[in-house]
Amino acid sequence: MVSKLWQCAIRYSKPILQSRDAKSSSKEQESGVSAMESLHRQYLPIILRSMKVDVLKRIASQEDLTNTILFAMVDYTDFVKI
């Protein structure tokens, strides 16, 4: 576990942090961009899947809320007619 964490720090964290320094060279900046793009490619599918699941849950709850509001409006219009 520690070795994987260390490898991740060497491969991604160090280049990204070095590229953010104002005094970094163009090679360090390119290395940081490359590391960031690599992380982006690896984690984007995971993030998209989890967000899609969350969105589907929200859509379902919004449909329930919409139906509740519509039923309340129908009940109110019926009440006003009386």
PDB file of N, CA and C in Angstrom:
ATOM      1  N   MET A   1       0.823  -1.194   0.000  1.00  0.00           N
ATOM      2  CA  MET A   1       0.000   0.000   0.000  1.00  0.00           C
ATOM      3  C   MET A   1       0.864   1.254   0.000  1.00  0.00           C
ATOM      4  N   VAL A   2       1.846   1.300   0.845  1.00  0.00           N
ATOM      5  CA  VAL A   2       2.708   2.477   0.918  1.00  0.00           C
ATOM      6  C   VAL A   2       3.477   2.647  -0.382  1.00  0.00           C
ATOM      7  N   SER A   3       3.923   1.549  -0.972  1.00  0.00           N
ATOM      8  CA  SER A   3       4.681   1.665  -2.215  1.00  0.00           C
ATOM      9  C   SER A   3       3.800   2.202  -3.348  1.00  0.00           C
ATOM     10  N   LYS A   4       2.519   1.800  -3.404  1.00  0.00           N
ATOM     11  CA  LYS A   4       1.616   2.316  -4.436  1.00  0.00           C
ATOM     12  C   LYS A   4       1.364   3.808  -4.227  1.00  0.00           C
ATOM     13  N   LEU A   5       1.222   4.203  -2.986  1.00  0.00           N
ATOM     14  CA  LEU A   5       1.020   5.611  -2.682  1.00  0.00           C
ATOM     15  C   LEU A   5       2.254   6.420  -3.061  1.00  0.00           C
ATOM     16  N   TRP A   6       3.413   5.876  -2.779  1.00  0.00           N
ATOM     17  CA  TRP A   6       4.664   6.542  -3.120  1.00  0.00           C
ATOM     18  C   TRP A   6       4.811   6.650  -4.640  1.00  0.00           C
ATOM     19  N   GLN A   7       4.469   5.582  -5.345  1.00  0.00           N
ATOM     20  CA  GLN A   7       4.549   5.612  -6.800  1.00  0.00           C
ATOM     21  C   GLN A   7       3.604   6.659  -7.387  1.00  0.00           C
ATOM     22  N   CYS A   8       2.421   6.764  -6.822  1.00  0.00           N
ATOM     23  CA  CYS A   8       1.451   7.761  -7.273  1.00  0.00           C
ATOM     24  C   CYS A   8       1.980   9.168  -7.031  1.00  0.00           C
ATOM     25  N   ALA A   9       2.580   9.376  -5.877  1.00  0.00           N
ATOM     26  CA  ALA A   9       3.136  10.692  -5.561  1.00  0.00           C
ATOM     27  C   ALA A   9       4.244  11.058  -6.531  1.00  0.00           C
ATOM     28  N   ILE A  10       5.089  10.108  -6.857  1.00  0.00           N
ATOM     29  CA  ILE A  10       6.197  10.369  -7.783  1.00  0.00           C
ATOM     30  C   ILE A  10       5.673  10.612  -9.196  1.00  0.00           C
ATOM     31  N   ARG A  11       4.701   9.812  -9.598  1.00  0.00           N
ATOM     32  CA  ARG A  11       4.218   9.877 -10.975  1.00  0.00           C
ATOM     33  C   ARG A  11       3.306  11.078 -11.240  1.00  0.00           C
ATOM     34  N   TYR A  12       2.463  11.435 -10.259  1.00  0.00           N
ATOM     35  CA  TYR A  12       1.467  12.477 -10.515  1.00  0.00           C
ATOM     36  C   TYR A  12       1.655  13.733  -9.665  1.00  0.00           C
ATOM     37  N   SER A  13       1.705  13.563  -8.366  1.00  0.00           N
ATOM     38  CA  SER A  13       1.716  14.733  -7.474  1.00  0.00           C
ATOM     39  C   SER A  13       2.930  15.627  -7.691  1.00  0.00           C
ATOM     40  N   LYS A  14       4.090  15.024  -7.722  1.00  0.00           N
ATOM     41  CA  LYS A  14       5.321  15.813  -7.846  1.00  0.00           C
ATOM     42  C   LYS A  14       5.339  16.636  -9.138  1.00  0.00           C
ATOM     43  N   PRO A  15       5.081  16.037 -10.311  1.00  0.00           N
ATOM     44  CA  PRO A  15       5.103  16.847 -11.541  1.00  0.00           C
ATOM     45  C   PRO A  15       4.018  17.928 -11.572  1.00  0.00           C
ATOM     46  N   ILE A  16       2.839  17.605 -11.059  1.00  0.00           N
ATOM     47  CA  ILE A  16       1.746  18.580 -11.070  1.00  0.00           C
ATOM     48  C   ILE A  16       2.083  19.762 -10.168  1.00  0.00           C
ATOM     49  N   LEU A  17       2.572  19.467  -8.973  1.00  0.00           N
ATOM     50  CA  LEU A  17       2.921  20.548  -8.049  1.00  0.00           C
ATOM     51  C   LEU A  17       4.084  21.386  -8.568  1.00  0.00           C
ATOM     52  N   GLN A  18       5.069  20.736  -9.175  1.00  0.00           N
ATOM     53  CA  GLN A  18       6.205  21.477  -9.720  1.00  0.00           C
ATOM     54  C   GLN A  18       5.775  22.373 -10.877  1.00  0.00           C
ATOM     55  N   SER A  19       4.823  21.918 -11.671  1.00  0.00           N
ATOM     56  CA  SER A  19       4.392  22.718 -12.824  1.00  0.00           C
ATOM     57  C   SER A  19       3.600  23.947 -12.400  1.00  0.00           C
ATOM     58  N   ARG A  20       3.048  23.939 -11.204  1.00  0.00           N
ATOM     59  CA  ARG A  20       2.266  25.069 -10.720  1.00  0.00           C
ATOM     60  C   ARG A  20       3.137  26.188 -10.163  1.00  0.00           C
ATOM     61  N   ASP A  21       4.412  25.903  -9.951  1.00  0.00           N
ATOM     62  CA  ASP A  21       5.333  26.911  -9.447  1.00  0.00           C
ATOM     63  C   ASP A  21       5.597  27.955 -10.530  1.00  0.00           C
ATOM     64  N   ALA A  22       5.620  29.207 -10.139  1.00  0.00           N
ATOM     65  CA  ALA A  22       5.833  30.293 -11.097  1.00  0.00           C
ATOM     66  C   ALA A  22       7.213  30.221 -11.751  1.00  0.00           C
ATOM     67  N   LYS A  23       8.159  29.627 -11.068  1.00  0.00           N
ATOM     68  CA  LYS A  23       9.532  29.562 -11.578  1.00  0.00           C
ATOM     69  C   LYS A  23       9.835  28.245 -12.291  1.00  0.00           C
ATOM     70  N   SER A  24       8.814  27.467 -12.602  1.00  0.00           N
ATOM     71  CA  SER A  24       9.057  26.161 -13.222  1.00  0.00           C
ATOM     72  C   SER A  24       9.459  26.328 -14.687  1.00  0.00           C
ATOM     73  N   SER A  25      10.256  25.383 -15.142  1.00  0.00           N
ATOM     74  CA  SER A  25      10.714  25.409 -16.529  1.00  0.00           C
ATOM     75  C   SER A  25       9.611  24.888 -17.448  1.00  0.00           C
ATOM     76  N   SER A  26       9.799  25.063 -18.731  1.00  0.00           N
ATOM     77  CA  SER A  26       8.794  24.590 -19.686  1.00  0.00           C
ATOM     78  C   SER A  26       8.694  23.058 -19.658  1.00  0.00           C
ATOM     79  N   LYS A  27       9.817  22.387 -19.398  1.00  0.00           N
ATOM     80  CA  LYS A  27       9.807  20.928 -19.317  1.00  0.00           C
ATOM     81  C   LYS A  27       8.978  20.477 -18.104  1.00  0.00           C
ATOM     82  N   GLU A  28       9.137  21.154 -16.973  1.00  0.00           N
ATOM     83  CA  GLU A  28       8.359  20.819 -15.781  1.00  0.00           C
ATOM     84  C   GLU A  28       6.873  21.102 -16.006  1.00  0.00           C
ATOM     85  N   GLN A  29       6.570  22.173 -16.715  1.00  0.00           N
ATOM     86  CA  GLN A  29       5.173  22.481 -17.009  1.00  0.00           C
ATOM     87  C   GLN A  29       4.555  21.442 -17.930  1.00  0.00           C
ATOM     88  N   GLU A  30       5.295  21.013 -18.926  1.00  0.00           N
ATOM     89  CA  GLU A  30       4.820  19.970 -19.830  1.00  0.00           C
ATOM     90  C   GLU A  30       4.618  18.653 -19.084  1.00  0.00           C
ATOM     91  N   SER A  31       5.531  18.346 -18.180  1.00  0.00           N
ATOM     92  CA  SER A  31       5.421  17.129 -17.381  1.00  0.00           C
ATOM     93  C   SER A  31       4.176  17.176 -16.498  1.00  0.00           C
ATOM     94  N   GLY A  32       3.897  18.331 -15.916  1.00  0.00           N
ATOM     95  CA  GLY A  32       2.706  18.498 -15.092  1.00  0.00           C
ATOM     96  C   GLY A  32       1.429  18.358 -15.889  1.00  0.00           C
ATOM     97  N   VAL A  33       1.408  18.944 -17.068  1.00  0.00           N
ATOM     98  CA  VAL A  33       0.239  18.840 -17.939  1.00  0.00           C
ATOM     99  C   VAL A  33       0.021  17.386 -18.354  1.00  0.00           C
ATOM    100  N   SER A  34       1.099  16.706 -18.681  1.00  0.00           N
ATOM    101  CA  SER A  34       1.013  15.302 -19.074  1.00  0.00           C
ATOM    102  C   SER A  34       0.468  14.442 -17.926  1.00  0.00           C
ATOM    103  N   ALA A  35       0.955  14.691 -16.710  1.00  0.00           N
ATOM    104  CA  ALA A  35       0.478  13.940 -15.545  1.00  0.00           C
ATOM    105  C   ALA A  35      -1.000  14.219 -15.285  1.00  0.00           C
ATOM    106  N   MET A  36      -1.400  15.477 -15.417  1.00  0.00           N
ATOM    107  CA  MET A  36      -2.794  15.837 -15.201  1.00  0.00           C
ATOM    108  C   MET A  36      -3.698  15.196 -16.248  1.00  0.00           C
ATOM    109  N   GLU A  37      -3.276  15.190 -17.502  1.00  0.00           N
ATOM    110  CA  GLU A  37      -4.061  14.565 -18.561  1.00  0.00           C
ATOM    111  C   GLU A  37      -4.176  13.052 -18.350  1.00  0.00           C
ATOM    112  N   SER A  38      -3.096  12.447 -17.875  1.00  0.00           N
ATOM    113  CA  SER A  38      -3.116  11.012 -17.593  1.00  0.00           C
ATOM    114  C   SER A  38      -4.109  10.694 -16.478  1.00  0.00           C
ATOM    115  N   LEU A  39      -4.083  11.473 -15.422  1.00  0.00           N
ATOM    116  CA  LEU A  39      -5.061  11.287 -14.340  1.00  0.00           C
ATOM    117  C   LEU A  39      -6.478  11.501 -14.846  1.00  0.00           C
ATOM    118  N   HIS A  40      -6.656  12.506 -15.663  1.00  0.00           N
ATOM    119  CA  HIS A  40      -7.971  12.818 -16.209  1.00  0.00           C
ATOM    120  C   HIS A  40      -8.514  11.638 -17.017  1.00  0.00           C
ATOM    121  N   ARG A  41      -7.674  11.069 -17.888  1.00  0.00           N
ATOM    122  CA  ARG A  41      -8.097   9.920 -18.699  1.00  0.00           C
ATOM    123  C   ARG A  41      -8.450   8.712 -17.839  1.00  0.00           C
ATOM    124  N   GLN A  42      -7.728   8.509 -16.755  1.00  0.00           N
ATOM    125  CA  GLN A  42      -7.963   7.346 -15.906  1.00  0.00           C
ATOM    126  C   GLN A  42      -9.228   7.478 -15.065  1.00  0.00           C
ATOM    127  N   TYR A  43      -9.491   8.667 -14.554  1.00  0.00           N
ATOM    128  CA  TYR A  43     -10.582   8.833 -13.600  1.00  0.00           C
ATOM    129  C   TYR A  43     -11.870   9.379 -14.194  1.00  0.00           C
ATOM    130  N   LEU A  44     -11.833   9.908 -15.400  1.00  0.00           N
ATOM    131  CA  LEU A  44     -13.033  10.459 -16.004  1.00  0.00           C
ATOM    132  C   LEU A  44     -14.161   9.431 -16.131  1.00  0.00           C
ATOM    133  N   PRO A  45     -13.910   8.204 -16.607  1.00  0.00           N
ATOM    134  CA  PRO A  45     -15.014   7.237 -16.684  1.00  0.00           C
ATOM    135  C   PRO A  45     -15.629   6.915 -15.322  1.00  0.00           C
ATOM    136  N   ILE A  46     -14.815   6.874 -14.295  1.00  0.00           N
ATOM    137  CA  ILE A  46     -15.329   6.588 -12.947  1.00  0.00           C
ATOM    138  C   ILE A  46     -16.204   7.737 -12.477  1.00  0.00           C
ATOM    139  N   ILE A  47     -15.747   8.954 -12.693  1.00  0.00           N
ATOM    140  CA  ILE A  47     -16.514  10.121 -12.267  1.00  0.00           C
ATOM    141  C   ILE A  47     -17.815  10.221 -13.051  1.00  0.00           C
ATOM    142  N   LEU A  48     -17.760   9.985 -14.349  1.00  0.00           N
ATOM    143  CA  LEU A  48     -18.969  10.064 -15.158  1.00  0.00           C
ATOM    144  C   LEU A  48     -19.994   9.012 -14.738  1.00  0.00           C
ATOM    145  N   ARG A  49     -19.534   7.803 -14.450  1.00  0.00           N
ATOM    146  CA  ARG A  49     -20.477   6.759 -14.030  1.00  0.00           C
ATOM    147  C   ARG A  49     -21.145   7.132 -12.718  1.00  0.00           C
ATOM    148  N   SER A  50     -20.379   7.597 -11.763  1.00  0.00           N
ATOM    149  CA  SER A  50     -20.989   7.919 -10.469  1.00  0.00           C
ATOM    150  C   SER A  50     -21.923   9.112 -10.600  1.00  0.00           C
ATOM    151  N   MET A  51     -21.570  10.067 -11.423  1.00  0.00           N
ATOM    152  CA  MET A  51     -22.433  11.220 -11.590  1.00  0.00           C
ATOM    153  C   MET A  51     -23.714  10.851 -12.332  1.00  0.00           C
ATOM    154  N   LYS A  52     -23.619   9.943 -13.277  1.00  0.00           N
ATOM    155  CA  LYS A  52     -24.797   9.511 -14.017  1.00  0.00           C
ATOM    156  C   LYS A  52     -25.785   8.838 -13.077  1.00  0.00           C
ATOM    157  N   VAL A  53     -25.281   8.016 -12.169  1.00  0.00           N
ATOM    158  CA  VAL A  53     -26.142   7.366 -11.191  1.00  0.00           C
ATOM    159  C   VAL A  53     -26.829   8.400 -10.316  1.00  0.00           C
ATOM    160  N   ASP A  54     -26.077   9.389  -9.864  1.00  0.00           N
ATOM    161  CA  ASP A  54     -26.660  10.445  -9.037  1.00  0.00           C
ATOM    162  C   ASP A  54     -27.724  11.219  -9.802  1.00  0.00           C
ATOM    163  N   VAL A  55     -27.452  11.495 -11.072  1.00  0.00           N
ATOM    164  CA  VAL A  55     -28.415  12.239 -11.880  1.00  0.00           C
ATOM    165  C   VAL A  55     -29.692  11.433 -12.059  1.00  0.00           C
ATOM    166  N   LEU A  56     -29.563  10.150 -12.292  1.00  0.00           N
ATOM    167  CA  LEU A  56     -30.760   9.319 -12.460  1.00  0.00           C
ATOM    168  C   LEU A  56     -31.605   9.310 -11.196  1.00  0.00           C
ATOM    169  N   LYS A  57     -30.955   9.307 -10.044  1.00  0.00           N
ATOM    170  CA  LYS A  57     -31.700   9.369  -8.782  1.00  0.00           C
ATOM    171  C   LYS A  57     -32.422  10.705  -8.662  1.00  0.00           C
ATOM    172  N   ARG A  58     -31.760  11.785  -9.053  1.00  0.00           N
ATOM    173  CA  ARG A  58     -32.367  13.114  -8.971  1.00  0.00           C
ATOM    174  C   ARG A  58     -33.554  13.235  -9.919  1.00  0.00           C
ATOM    175  N   ILE A  59     -33.406  12.678 -11.107  1.00  0.00           N
ATOM    176  CA  ILE A  59     -34.506  12.750 -12.079  1.00  0.00           C
ATOM    177  C   ILE A  59     -35.726  12.033 -11.537  1.00  0.00           C
ATOM    178  N   ALA A  60     -35.515  10.877 -10.943  1.00  0.00           N
ATOM    179  CA  ALA A  60     -36.635  10.135 -10.383  1.00  0.00           C
ATOM    180  C   ALA A  60     -37.313  10.936  -9.279  1.00  0.00           C
ATOM    181  N   SER A  61     -36.536  11.555  -8.415  1.00  0.00           N
ATOM    182  CA  SER A  61     -37.133  12.327  -7.328  1.00  0.00           C
ATOM    183  C   SER A  61     -37.818  13.580  -7.857  1.00  0.00           C
ATOM    184  N   GLN A  62     -37.297  14.183  -8.923  1.00  0.00           N
ATOM    185  CA  GLN A  62     -37.934  15.349  -9.510  1.00  0.00           C
ATOM    186  C   GLN A  62     -39.259  14.979 -10.167  1.00  0.00           C
ATOM    187  N   GLU A  63     -39.317  13.801 -10.789  1.00  0.00           N
ATOM    188  CA  GLU A  63     -40.574  13.354 -11.382  1.00  0.00           C
ATOM    189  C   GLU A  63     -41.622  13.151 -10.293  1.00  0.00           C
ATOM    190  N   ASP A  64     -41.216  12.573  -9.175  1.00  0.00           N
ATOM    191  CA  ASP A  64     -42.148  12.400  -8.062  1.00  0.00           C
ATOM    192  C   ASP A  64     -42.633  13.754  -7.554  1.00  0.00           C
ATOM    193  N   LEU A  65     -41.716  14.698  -7.441  1.00  0.00           N
ATOM    194  CA  LEU A  65     -42.072  16.037  -6.968  1.00  0.00           C
ATOM    195  C   LEU A  65     -43.015  16.713  -7.958  1.00  0.00           C
ATOM    196  N   THR A  66     -42.737  16.574  -9.236  1.00  0.00           N
ATOM    197  CA  THR A  66     -43.600  17.167 -10.263  1.00  0.00           C
ATOM    198  C   THR A  66     -44.995  16.579 -10.197  1.00  0.00           C
ATOM    199  N   ASN A  67     -45.084  15.271 -10.054  1.00  0.00           N
ATOM    200  CA  ASN A  67     -46.392  14.627  -9.944  1.00  0.00           C
ATOM    201  C   ASN A  67     -47.135  15.099  -8.709  1.00  0.00           C
ATOM    202  N   THR A  68     -46.438  15.248  -7.603  1.00  0.00           N
ATOM    203  CA  THR A  68     -47.061  15.725  -6.370  1.00  0.00           C
ATOM    204  C   THR A  68     -47.595  17.137  -6.551  1.00  0.00           C
ATOM    205  N   ILE A  69     -46.817  17.987  -7.206  1.00  0.00           N
ATOM    206  CA  ILE A  69     -47.250  19.369  -7.445  1.00  0.00           C
ATOM    207  C   ILE A  69     -48.470  19.390  -8.361  1.00  0.00           C
ATOM    208  N   LEU A  70     -48.459  18.570  -9.417  1.00  0.00           N
ATOM    209  CA  LEU A  70     -49.594  18.533 -10.335  1.00  0.00           C
ATOM    210  C   LEU A  70     -50.862  18.057  -9.631  1.00  0.00           C
ATOM    211  N   PHE A  71     -50.734  17.027  -8.803  1.00  0.00           N
ATOM    212  CA  PHE A  71     -51.904  16.552  -8.057  1.00  0.00           C
ATOM    213  C   PHE A  71     -52.404  17.623  -7.100  1.00  0.00           C
ATOM    214  N   ALA A  72     -51.499  18.348  -6.467  1.00  0.00           N
ATOM    215  CA  ALA A  72     -51.893  19.416  -5.553  1.00  0.00           C
ATOM    216  C   ALA A  72     -52.615  20.525  -6.313  1.00  0.00           C
ATOM    217  N   MET A  73     -52.135  20.842  -7.521  1.00  0.00           N
ATOM    218  CA  MET A  73     -52.794  21.869  -8.321  1.00  0.00           C
ATOM    219  C   MET A  73     -54.190  21.436  -8.739  1.00  0.00           C
ATOM    220  N   VAL A  74     -54.356  20.185  -9.132  1.00  0.00           N
ATOM    221  CA  VAL A  74     -55.673  19.672  -9.511  1.00  0.00           C
ATOM    222  C   VAL A  74     -56.613  19.727  -8.319  1.00  0.00           C
ATOM    223  N   ASP A  75     -56.130  19.305  -7.164  1.00  0.00           N
ATOM    224  CA  ASP A  75     -56.958  19.355  -5.958  1.00  0.00           C
ATOM    225  C   ASP A  75     -57.350  20.791  -5.633  1.00  0.00           C
ATOM    226  N   TYR A  76     -56.430  21.732  -5.794  1.00  0.00           N
ATOM    227  CA  TYR A  76     -56.702  23.140  -5.480  1.00  0.00           C
ATOM    228  C   TYR A  76     -57.736  23.707  -6.453  1.00  0.00           C
ATOM    229  N   THR A  77     -57.570  23.395  -7.756  1.00  0.00           N
ATOM    230  CA  THR A  77     -58.540  23.910  -8.730  1.00  0.00           C
ATOM    231  C   THR A  77     -59.924  23.326  -8.483  1.00  0.00           C
ATOM    232  N   ASP A  78     -59.983  22.052  -8.081  1.00  0.00           N
ATOM    233  CA  ASP A  78     -61.277  21.456  -7.727  1.00  0.00           C
ATOM    234  C   ASP A  78     -61.871  22.136  -6.506  1.00  0.00           C
ATOM    235  N   PHE A  79     -61.027  22.479  -5.546  1.00  0.00           N
ATOM    236  CA  PHE A  79     -61.491  23.149  -4.314  1.00  0.00           C
ATOM    237  C   PHE A  79     -62.001  24.548  -4.629  1.00  0.00           C
ATOM    238  N   VAL A  80     -61.337  25.264  -5.526  1.00  0.00           N
ATOM    239  CA  VAL A  80     -61.737  26.614  -5.871  1.00  0.00           C
ATOM    240  C   VAL A  80     -63.077  26.605  -6.613  1.00  0.00           C
ATOM    241  N   LYS A  81     -63.339  25.578  -7.405  1.00  0.00           N
ATOM    242  CA  LYS A  81     -64.595  25.484  -8.155  1.00  0.00           C
ATOM    243  C   LYS A  81     -65.799  25.334  -7.225  1.00  0.00           C
ATOM    244  N   ILE A  82     -65.591  24.762  -6.053  1.00  0.00           N
ATOM    245  CA  ILE A  82     -66.701  24.520  -5.123  1.00  0.00           C
ATOM    246  C   ILE A  82     -67.175  25.757  -4.540  1.00  0.00           C
TER     247      ILE A  82
END
